[in-house]
Amino acid sequence: MQQHPLIERIFKANPDFLTQKWKSWMDIYPQVRIEGRRVLSEDFCYEIVHSYNVSLDVFSVVGTSHPDYGNKTIRSLLDAQYGYKRLSLNLTAYDMNPNYYFSHERKSDMSFSRVNNGEWYITGEGNHRTALAKTILFLDGNGSSMLHGVTISDI
């Protein structure tokens, strides 16, 4: 199967972070059930602060709440041989708007959370887009690692 040219370029550059495994939210925070921006374990939390249309250092994202992608490498999320349909949709969207990962447009369905100022996790949509953002910003970001227009939640 032929890879998308962007994926070929990423795999050729082979940045070290491709082999990092995303941590599983449920392994780290089993007491905090979360779905998107909804925390289902309110008794654990004193306060939840949501911020919309903000910038986040994409390299500070270390894991995901999605049960299919926790403990997977970033490379595996970008490899077509695993048949991830979202990846092909995101690559098509990238072809139509390669500036998406650099723009300040609101990415309303990309959300990230952290507990007690800890590490950032993907807690909504955007697992493949976050993997793509890391690699695109690494390749073409001119030193920037900021992904703009996302939603964050501090728990």
N, C-alpha and C. Protein backbone atom coordinates (compact mmCIF):
# COMPACT_ATOMS: atom_id res chain seq x y z
N MET A 1 0.83 -1.17 0.00
CA MET A 1 0.00 0.00 0.00
C MET A 1 0.88 1.25 0.00
N GLN A 2 0.59 2.16 -0.89
CA GLN A 2 1.38 3.38 -0.99
C GLN A 2 0.97 4.37 0.09
N GLN A 3 1.97 4.94 0.73
CA GLN A 3 1.72 5.90 1.79
C GLN A 3 1.44 7.28 1.17
N HIS A 4 0.71 8.09 1.89
CA HIS A 4 0.51 9.49 1.54
C HIS A 4 1.88 10.17 1.55
N PRO A 5 2.12 11.13 0.64
CA PRO A 5 3.44 11.80 0.61
C PRO A 5 3.85 12.43 1.94
N LEU A 6 2.91 12.98 2.68
CA LEU A 6 3.26 13.55 3.98
C LEU A 6 3.75 12.47 4.93
N ILE A 7 3.08 11.33 4.95
CA ILE A 7 3.48 10.24 5.82
C ILE A 7 4.85 9.70 5.41
N GLU A 8 5.08 9.59 4.11
CA GLU A 8 6.41 9.17 3.63
C GLU A 8 7.48 10.14 4.13
N ARG A 9 7.18 11.42 4.05
CA ARG A 9 8.14 12.44 4.50
C ARG A 9 8.40 12.32 6.00
N ILE A 10 7.33 12.10 6.76
CA ILE A 10 7.47 11.95 8.21
C ILE A 10 8.32 10.73 8.54
N PHE A 11 8.00 9.60 7.92
CA PHE A 11 8.74 8.38 8.21
C PHE A 11 10.20 8.48 7.75
N LYS A 12 10.44 9.22 6.67
CA LYS A 12 11.82 9.41 6.22
C LYS A 12 12.60 10.26 7.23
N ALA A 13 11.98 11.31 7.76
CA ALA A 13 12.64 12.15 8.77
C ALA A 13 12.84 11.38 10.08
N ASN A 14 11.89 10.49 10.39
CA ASN A 14 11.96 9.60 11.54
C ASN A 14 12.34 10.29 12.86
N PRO A 15 11.56 11.31 13.27
CA PRO A 15 11.88 11.95 14.55
C PRO A 15 11.74 10.96 15.70
N ASP A 16 12.51 11.17 16.75
CA ASP A 16 12.55 10.26 17.89
C ASP A 16 11.17 10.03 18.51
N PHE A 17 10.34 11.06 18.53
CA PHE A 17 9.06 10.93 19.23
C PHE A 17 8.09 9.98 18.54
N LEU A 18 8.38 9.54 17.32
CA LEU A 18 7.48 8.58 16.65
C LEU A 18 7.38 7.27 17.42
N THR A 19 8.41 6.91 18.14
CA THR A 19 8.40 5.65 18.88
C THR A 19 7.88 5.78 20.30
N GLN A 20 7.55 7.00 20.72
CA GLN A 20 6.98 7.18 22.05
C GLN A 20 5.56 6.63 22.08
N LYS A 21 5.26 5.93 23.15
CA LYS A 21 3.90 5.42 23.32
C LYS A 21 3.07 6.47 24.06
N TRP A 22 1.86 6.66 23.56
CA TRP A 22 0.94 7.54 24.27
C TRP A 22 0.46 6.83 25.52
N LYS A 23 0.52 7.53 26.63
CA LYS A 23 0.02 6.99 27.89
C LYS A 23 -1.50 6.88 27.81
N SER A 24 -2.02 5.93 28.53
CA SER A 24 -3.46 5.74 28.61
C SER A 24 -4.00 6.50 29.82
N TRP A 25 -4.96 7.40 29.56
CA TRP A 25 -5.59 8.17 30.64
C TRP A 25 -6.09 7.25 31.75
N MET A 26 -6.74 6.16 31.38
CA MET A 26 -7.32 5.25 32.37
C MET A 26 -6.26 4.54 33.21
N ASP A 27 -5.07 4.36 32.66
CA ASP A 27 -3.98 3.78 33.45
C ASP A 27 -3.47 4.77 34.50
N ILE A 28 -3.46 6.04 34.15
CA ILE A 28 -2.90 7.08 35.03
C ILE A 28 -3.96 7.63 35.98
N TYR A 29 -5.16 7.84 35.47
CA TYR A 29 -6.24 8.45 36.26
C TYR A 29 -7.50 7.56 36.23
N PRO A 30 -7.43 6.36 36.77
CA PRO A 30 -8.60 5.48 36.71
C PRO A 30 -9.81 6.04 37.46
N GLN A 31 -9.56 6.92 38.42
CA GLN A 31 -10.66 7.48 39.20
C GLN A 31 -11.35 8.65 38.49
N VAL A 32 -10.80 9.11 37.38
CA VAL A 32 -11.38 10.25 36.66
C VAL A 32 -11.86 9.76 35.30
N ARG A 33 -13.14 9.49 35.21
CA ARG A 33 -13.73 9.10 33.93
C ARG A 33 -14.06 10.37 33.16
N ILE A 34 -13.69 10.38 31.89
CA ILE A 34 -13.86 11.59 31.09
C ILE A 34 -14.35 11.22 29.70
N GLU A 35 -15.22 12.04 29.18
CA GLU A 35 -15.70 11.91 27.80
C GLU A 35 -15.67 13.30 27.19
N GLY A 36 -14.73 13.53 26.30
CA GLY A 36 -14.59 14.86 25.72
C GLY A 36 -14.31 15.86 26.81
N ARG A 37 -15.14 16.90 26.91
CA ARG A 37 -14.94 17.90 27.96
C ARG A 37 -15.77 17.60 29.20
N ARG A 38 -16.44 16.47 29.23
CA ARG A 38 -17.27 16.11 30.38
C ARG A 38 -16.51 15.18 31.32
N VAL A 39 -16.33 15.62 32.54
CA VAL A 39 -15.73 14.78 33.57
C VAL A 39 -16.86 14.07 34.28
N LEU A 40 -16.82 12.76 34.29
CA LEU A 40 -17.91 11.98 34.86
C LEU A 40 -17.67 11.61 36.31
N SER A 41 -16.52 11.99 36.86
CA SER A 41 -16.18 11.67 38.25
C SER A 41 -16.08 12.96 39.04
N GLU A 42 -17.17 13.67 39.15
CA GLU A 42 -17.17 14.99 39.79
C GLU A 42 -16.70 14.94 41.24
N ASP A 43 -16.93 13.82 41.94
CA ASP A 43 -16.54 13.74 43.34
C ASP A 43 -15.03 13.81 43.52
N PHE A 44 -14.28 13.53 42.48
CA PHE A 44 -12.82 13.59 42.54
C PHE A 44 -12.34 15.04 42.42
N CYS A 45 -13.10 15.89 41.76
CA CYS A 45 -12.65 17.22 41.36
C CYS A 45 -13.22 18.31 42.25
N TYR A 46 -12.38 19.28 42.55
CA TYR A 46 -12.83 20.48 43.24
C TYR A 46 -13.24 21.55 42.23
N GLU A 47 -12.55 21.58 41.11
CA GLU A 47 -12.83 22.61 40.13
C GLU A 47 -12.38 22.12 38.75
N ILE A 48 -13.14 22.48 37.76
CA ILE A 48 -12.77 22.19 36.37
C ILE A 48 -12.83 23.52 35.62
N VAL A 49 -11.72 23.87 34.98
CA VAL A 49 -11.67 25.12 34.22
C VAL A 49 -11.47 24.77 32.76
N HIS A 50 -12.44 25.16 31.94
CA HIS A 50 -12.36 24.96 30.50
C HIS A 50 -11.92 26.26 29.85
N SER A 51 -11.00 26.16 28.90
CA SER A 51 -10.57 27.33 28.12
C SER A 51 -10.70 26.96 26.65
N TYR A 52 -11.29 27.87 25.90
CA TYR A 52 -11.61 27.60 24.50
C TYR A 52 -10.77 28.46 23.58
N ASN A 53 -10.46 27.88 22.41
CA ASN A 53 -9.72 28.59 21.37
C ASN A 53 -8.38 29.09 21.89
N VAL A 54 -7.63 28.21 22.54
CA VAL A 54 -6.32 28.55 23.10
C VAL A 54 -5.22 27.82 22.34
N SER A 55 -3.99 28.12 22.70
CA SER A 55 -2.83 27.47 22.09
C SER A 55 -2.21 26.51 23.10
N LEU A 56 -1.73 25.40 22.60
CA LEU A 56 -1.14 24.36 23.45
C LEU A 56 0.13 23.85 22.77
N ASP A 57 1.18 23.70 23.57
CA ASP A 57 2.41 23.09 23.05
C ASP A 57 2.11 21.62 22.76
N VAL A 58 2.04 21.27 21.50
CA VAL A 58 1.63 19.93 21.11
C VAL A 58 2.61 18.86 21.60
N PHE A 59 3.85 19.27 21.87
CA PHE A 59 4.83 18.31 22.36
C PHE A 59 4.65 18.02 23.86
N SER A 60 3.76 18.77 24.51
CA SER A 60 3.47 18.49 25.91
C SER A 60 2.34 17.47 26.06
N VAL A 61 1.74 17.06 24.96
CA VAL A 61 0.69 16.04 24.99
C VAL A 61 1.36 14.66 25.06
N VAL A 62 1.01 13.90 26.10
CA VAL A 62 1.70 12.63 26.34
C VAL A 62 0.80 11.41 26.24
N GLY A 63 -0.52 11.64 26.12
CA GLY A 63 -1.40 10.47 26.12
C GLY A 63 -2.79 10.79 25.64
N THR A 64 -3.68 9.81 25.82
CA THR A 64 -5.04 9.92 25.32
C THR A 64 -6.01 9.17 26.22
N SER A 65 -7.25 9.64 26.20
CA SER A 65 -8.30 8.92 26.92
C SER A 65 -8.99 7.90 26.02
N HIS A 66 -8.65 7.89 24.74
CA HIS A 66 -9.29 6.96 23.80
C HIS A 66 -8.75 5.55 24.04
N PRO A 67 -9.64 4.59 24.30
CA PRO A 67 -9.17 3.24 24.63
C PRO A 67 -8.42 2.54 23.50
N ASP A 68 -8.65 2.94 22.25
CA ASP A 68 -7.96 2.29 21.13
C ASP A 68 -6.54 2.80 20.91
N TYR A 69 -6.21 3.98 21.43
CA TYR A 69 -4.93 4.60 21.10
C TYR A 69 -3.96 4.71 22.28
N GLY A 70 -4.42 4.49 23.50
CA GLY A 70 -3.51 4.49 24.63
C GLY A 70 -2.51 3.36 24.50
N ASN A 71 -1.29 3.60 24.88
CA ASN A 71 -0.19 2.64 24.80
C ASN A 71 0.20 2.28 23.37
N LYS A 72 -0.19 3.10 22.41
CA LYS A 72 0.23 2.93 21.01
C LYS A 72 1.28 3.99 20.69
N THR A 73 2.18 3.67 19.77
CA THR A 73 3.16 4.67 19.37
C THR A 73 2.52 5.66 18.41
N ILE A 74 3.10 6.83 18.35
CA ILE A 74 2.64 7.84 17.40
C ILE A 74 2.81 7.32 15.99
N ARG A 75 3.90 6.61 15.75
CA ARG A 75 4.12 6.04 14.42
C ARG A 75 2.97 5.12 14.01
N SER A 76 2.49 4.30 14.94
CA SER A 76 1.42 3.37 14.58
C SER A 76 0.13 4.11 14.23
N LEU A 77 -0.10 5.28 14.83
CA LEU A 77 -1.28 6.06 14.48
C LEU A 77 -1.17 6.65 13.08
N LEU A 78 0.04 6.79 12.60
CA LEU A 78 0.26 7.39 11.28
C LEU A 78 0.50 6.36 10.19
N ASP A 79 0.51 5.10 10.53
CA ASP A 79 0.83 4.06 9.56
C ASP A 79 -0.45 3.49 8.96
N ALA A 80 -0.59 3.63 7.66
CA ALA A 80 -1.81 3.19 6.95
C ALA A 80 -2.04 1.69 7.06
N GLN A 81 -1.00 0.92 7.31
CA GLN A 81 -1.17 -0.54 7.38
C GLN A 81 -2.10 -0.94 8.52
N TYR A 82 -2.28 -0.04 9.49
CA TYR A 82 -3.19 -0.35 10.58
C TYR A 82 -4.63 0.00 10.24
N GLY A 83 -4.84 0.62 9.08
CA GLY A 83 -6.18 0.84 8.56
C GLY A 83 -7.03 1.84 9.31
N TYR A 84 -6.43 2.80 9.96
CA TYR A 84 -7.21 3.80 10.67
C TYR A 84 -7.91 4.72 9.67
N LYS A 85 -9.23 4.66 9.65
CA LYS A 85 -9.97 5.45 8.67
C LYS A 85 -9.87 6.94 8.96
N ARG A 86 -9.77 7.31 10.22
CA ARG A 86 -9.65 8.73 10.56
C ARG A 86 -8.38 9.33 9.97
N LEU A 87 -7.31 8.54 9.92
CA LEU A 87 -6.07 9.05 9.36
C LEU A 87 -6.27 9.46 7.92
N SER A 88 -6.91 8.63 7.12
CA SER A 88 -7.11 8.98 5.71
C SER A 88 -7.99 10.21 5.58
N LEU A 89 -9.00 10.35 6.44
CA LEU A 89 -9.84 11.56 6.42
C LEU A 89 -9.01 12.79 6.76
N ASN A 90 -8.13 12.67 7.74
CA ASN A 90 -7.31 13.80 8.14
C ASN A 90 -6.26 14.15 7.10
N LEU A 91 -5.75 13.15 6.40
CA LEU A 91 -4.79 13.44 5.33
C LEU A 91 -5.48 14.13 4.15
N THR A 92 -6.70 13.74 3.86
CA THR A 92 -7.47 14.42 2.81
C THR A 92 -7.73 15.87 3.22
N ALA A 93 -8.09 16.08 4.48
CA ALA A 93 -8.30 17.44 4.99
C ALA A 93 -7.00 18.24 4.94
N TYR A 94 -5.89 17.60 5.24
CA TYR A 94 -4.58 18.28 5.16
C TYR A 94 -4.30 18.70 3.72
N ASP A 95 -4.59 17.83 2.74
CA ASP A 95 -4.37 18.18 1.35
C ASP A 95 -5.20 19.40 0.94
N MET A 96 -6.41 19.50 1.49
CA MET A 96 -7.29 20.61 1.17
C MET A 96 -6.90 21.89 1.91
N ASN A 97 -6.31 21.75 3.10
CA ASN A 97 -5.94 22.91 3.91
C ASN A 97 -4.67 22.63 4.70
N PRO A 98 -3.51 22.68 4.03
CA PRO A 98 -2.26 22.38 4.72
C PRO A 98 -1.91 23.38 5.83
N ASN A 99 -2.57 24.52 5.85
CA ASN A 99 -2.31 25.52 6.89
C ASN A 99 -3.06 25.24 8.19
N TYR A 100 -3.92 24.25 8.20
CA TYR A 100 -4.76 23.94 9.35
C TYR A 100 -3.95 23.85 10.65
N TYR A 101 -2.80 23.22 10.60
CA TYR A 101 -2.01 22.99 11.81
C TYR A 101 -1.23 24.23 12.25
N PHE A 102 -1.21 25.25 11.40
CA PHE A 102 -0.53 26.49 11.73
C PHE A 102 -1.50 27.63 12.04
N SER A 103 -2.75 27.45 11.63
CA SER A 103 -3.73 28.54 11.73
C SER A 103 -4.26 28.68 13.16
N HIS A 104 -4.87 29.82 13.40
CA HIS A 104 -5.49 30.09 14.70
C HIS A 104 -6.98 29.79 14.67
N GLU A 105 -7.45 29.17 13.58
CA GLU A 105 -8.88 28.84 13.49
C GLU A 105 -9.24 27.88 14.62
N ARG A 106 -10.46 28.00 15.09
CA ARG A 106 -10.91 27.17 16.20
C ARG A 106 -11.07 25.72 15.75
N LYS A 107 -10.46 24.83 16.50
CA LYS A 107 -10.56 23.40 16.27
C LYS A 107 -11.46 22.86 17.37
N SER A 108 -12.75 23.13 17.24
CA SER A 108 -13.69 22.97 18.34
C SER A 108 -13.78 21.54 18.87
N ASP A 109 -13.46 20.57 18.08
CA ASP A 109 -13.58 19.20 18.57
C ASP A 109 -12.25 18.61 19.05
N MET A 110 -11.20 19.40 19.08
CA MET A 110 -9.92 18.94 19.63
C MET A 110 -9.83 19.43 21.07
N SER A 111 -9.84 18.49 22.03
CA SER A 111 -9.77 18.90 23.42
C SER A 111 -8.72 18.09 24.18
N PHE A 112 -8.12 18.77 25.14
CA PHE A 112 -7.04 18.21 25.93
C PHE A 112 -7.30 18.52 27.39
N SER A 113 -6.91 17.61 28.28
CA SER A 113 -7.12 17.80 29.71
C SER A 113 -5.87 17.40 30.48
N ARG A 114 -5.79 17.96 31.67
CA ARG A 114 -4.74 17.57 32.62
C ARG A 114 -5.32 17.66 34.02
N VAL A 115 -4.71 16.91 34.94
CA VAL A 115 -5.14 16.89 36.32
C VAL A 115 -4.03 17.50 37.18
N ASN A 116 -4.39 18.46 38.03
CA ASN A 116 -3.43 19.09 38.96
C ASN A 116 -2.17 19.59 38.27
N ASN A 117 -2.36 20.27 37.16
CA ASN A 117 -1.23 20.83 36.39
C ASN A 117 -0.26 19.77 35.91
N GLY A 118 -0.75 18.57 35.71
CA GLY A 118 0.09 17.47 35.23
C GLY A 118 0.25 17.50 33.72
N GLU A 119 0.44 16.33 33.16
CA GLU A 119 0.68 16.21 31.72
C GLU A 119 -0.64 16.29 30.96
N TRP A 120 -0.54 16.70 29.70
CA TRP A 120 -1.72 16.86 28.85
C TRP A 120 -2.07 15.56 28.15
N TYR A 121 -3.37 15.31 28.08
CA TYR A 121 -3.93 14.13 27.40
C TYR A 121 -5.00 14.58 26.43
N ILE A 122 -5.11 13.88 25.32
CA ILE A 122 -6.21 14.10 24.39
C ILE A 122 -7.44 13.49 25.05
N THR A 123 -8.47 14.31 25.26
CA THR A 123 -9.66 13.80 25.93
C THR A 123 -10.91 14.06 25.11
N GLY A 124 -10.73 14.23 23.85
CA GLY A 124 -11.85 14.39 22.93
C GLY A 124 -11.43 13.82 21.59
N GLU A 125 -11.89 14.44 20.55
CA GLU A 125 -11.46 14.05 19.22
C GLU A 125 -10.05 14.58 18.97
N GLY A 126 -9.40 14.04 17.96
CA GLY A 126 -8.14 14.62 17.54
C GLY A 126 -6.90 13.80 17.79
N ASN A 127 -7.03 12.50 18.01
CA ASN A 127 -5.84 11.68 18.24
C ASN A 127 -4.92 11.68 17.02
N HIS A 128 -5.47 11.43 15.84
CA HIS A 128 -4.63 11.42 14.64
C HIS A 128 -4.15 12.83 14.28
N ARG A 129 -5.03 13.82 14.47
CA ARG A 129 -4.62 15.20 14.18
C ARG A 129 -3.51 15.65 15.13
N THR A 130 -3.54 15.21 16.37
CA THR A 130 -2.46 15.57 17.29
C THR A 130 -1.16 14.91 16.86
N ALA A 131 -1.23 13.65 16.45
CA ALA A 131 -0.03 12.97 15.93
C ALA A 131 0.49 13.68 14.69
N LEU A 132 -0.42 14.05 13.80
CA LEU A 132 -0.01 14.80 12.60
C LEU A 132 0.57 16.16 12.98
N ALA A 133 -0.08 16.85 13.92
CA ALA A 133 0.41 18.17 14.33
C ALA A 133 1.83 18.09 14.87
N LYS A 134 2.10 17.09 15.70
CA LYS A 134 3.47 16.95 16.22
C LYS A 134 4.48 16.83 15.09
N THR A 135 4.15 15.99 14.12
CA THR A 135 5.12 15.75 13.05
C THR A 135 5.19 16.93 12.08
N ILE A 136 4.07 17.54 11.75
CA ILE A 136 4.07 18.68 10.83
C ILE A 136 4.80 19.86 11.45
N LEU A 137 4.53 20.13 12.73
CA LEU A 137 5.24 21.22 13.39
C LEU A 137 6.73 20.91 13.52
N PHE A 138 7.07 19.66 13.73
CA PHE A 138 8.48 19.27 13.77
C PHE A 138 9.15 19.53 12.42
N LEU A 139 8.46 19.17 11.33
CA LEU A 139 9.04 19.31 10.00
C LEU A 139 9.00 20.74 9.47
N ASP A 140 7.88 21.43 9.67
CA ASP A 140 7.64 22.70 8.99
C ASP A 140 7.30 23.86 9.91
N GLY A 141 7.41 23.67 11.20
CA GLY A 141 6.96 24.69 12.15
C GLY A 141 7.92 25.80 12.44
N ASN A 142 9.11 25.77 11.82
CA ASN A 142 10.11 26.81 12.05
C ASN A 142 10.33 27.06 13.55
N GLY A 143 10.41 25.98 14.29
CA GLY A 143 10.69 26.08 15.72
C GLY A 143 9.46 26.22 16.59
N SER A 144 8.29 26.40 16.01
CA SER A 144 7.07 26.51 16.80
C SER A 144 6.53 25.12 17.12
N SER A 145 6.00 24.98 18.30
CA SER A 145 5.38 23.71 18.68
C SER A 145 3.94 23.94 19.14
N MET A 146 3.41 25.12 18.83
CA MET A 146 2.09 25.49 19.32
C MET A 146 0.99 25.14 18.33
N LEU A 147 0.00 24.43 18.85
CA LEU A 147 -1.21 24.12 18.11
C LEU A 147 -2.29 25.08 18.63
N HIS A 148 -2.86 25.84 17.71
CA HIS A 148 -3.79 26.91 18.10
C HIS A 148 -5.24 26.49 17.89
N GLY A 149 -6.12 27.13 18.64
CA GLY A 149 -7.55 26.95 18.43
C GLY A 149 -8.16 25.73 19.10
N VAL A 150 -7.50 25.19 20.11
CA VAL A 150 -7.99 23.98 20.76
C VAL A 150 -8.68 24.32 22.08
N THR A 151 -9.33 23.33 22.67
CA THR A 151 -9.98 23.47 23.97
C THR A 151 -9.15 22.70 24.99
N ILE A 152 -8.93 23.32 26.15
CA ILE A 152 -8.22 22.64 27.22
C ILE A 152 -9.07 22.65 28.48
N SER A 153 -8.86 21.66 29.31
CA SER A 153 -9.55 21.57 30.60
C SER A 153 -8.53 21.27 31.68
N ASP A 154 -8.51 22.11 32.68
CA ASP A 154 -7.70 21.88 33.87
C ASP A 154 -8.60 21.31 34.95
N ILE A 155 -8.28 20.11 35.39
CA ILE A 155 -9.10 19.41 36.38
C ILE A 155 -8.37 19.41 37.71
